[in-house]
């Protein structure tokens, strides 16, 4: 599919014909949705387990043991659903098991114990954690609240110290497969909200993440070292990356991000940890409103990062800082001045075969694009078609070869493209 998509992207640039591979992406997502429908049918007739000896009207009671006991019993009996009915469940960390789906009903809230009651260590346990399991997930229409405010303040108080306070993630799957997170509302994680790491066949759909800002490092969804990840119909507002795709200790590939709405946050990101390679990322029909960056591929200079076969299709943005940024220098303050006589040596981001089609952005407060490669690893095979951006200033391009077709940038000041060194912009 990848070669077909790339050739279709190039064909579209050369001819102006609408991209023909969009149905292939949607077909892959539809197939995953059909599998989820079959799972729903199965769960509707599965055995349900409930926390025992727990009073949902006693808002001060710790439900940790009752919920974990129900999870263990469900697993021991061959699997099924652990259901939290309407009420408030204060809880410490929970561990999911294979063939167990934690269902949080509408009107139910699973609330993490406050920081002063939460288990403390040099690596505090994640709130909902699964290690090496299969066929499990978190479903329903209820709320998971990470009680993050105390954690955020404690981190800000210690971030510049030799030992900043470690914080748990809200939902963390490590080495798992056939995972589902569906329908729930997530709030106020101490740090990242959902992390599938070293996992495969992951479906995250119809969830809402709404976390107060400022809230440091509260990424929405962070697939890492994972394959076959489907993120569909999600609404995400948080204090950091809305989504951040990473590949720190192994490659990440075949990630589908479709029909999502991104509000406050730093945007749809790849990196900064991409040293093991990120490839085959398909983003379709996503909207951005108020993100600091819309689409971002980032990598700290002097670190290895490889990104290829990335596709952004039908993206709509308003009131963003920069619609698209691809940079070998992260954070942005590390970008060296242009036209230097000498450049620092070192490893840098390698990015190629990136396709952007049908991107519309209005009310952009910064540059239309920011594309800055290191001279030792110029970006190549970047293709932009059917792009319309109204921005404060034009598109910065450095050490990059890009092909553009039907690209319109209306900058309030300056030129459409701000060509810095080795900027090769091919108009078709």
Foldseek 3Di string as FASTA:
>chain_A
DLVLQLVQLVVCQVPVDPRDCVVVLVVLVVVLVVVVVVVVVVQVPFDEFEQPPDDLVPQPDASAVSQQVRQVVQVVVPAHEYEDDAGEHEYEAHEHAARYEYEYEANYEYEYDAPVPYDDDQAGEARYEYEQYENYEYEYAEEYEQNQPVLQVQQVVPVPPPRRRHFHEHYEYENYEHYEYYNYEYERHNAEHYEYENYEHYEYENYEYDYDPPRPRHEYYEYEQYEHYEYYHYEAAYNEEVYEYAYAPAEYEHYEAEQYEYEEYQEHEYDQHAQRHYEHYHYYQYEYEQHQEHYEYEYAFQGHHEYASAEHEQYEYENYAEDYEYDFHPPPVRDDDFPDPDDDDHHTYAYAHYEYENYEYEHHEYEHYHYEGDLVHAYEHYEYENAHYEYQHAHEHESYAYEYENHHYHHPDDDNYDYTYNYHYHYD
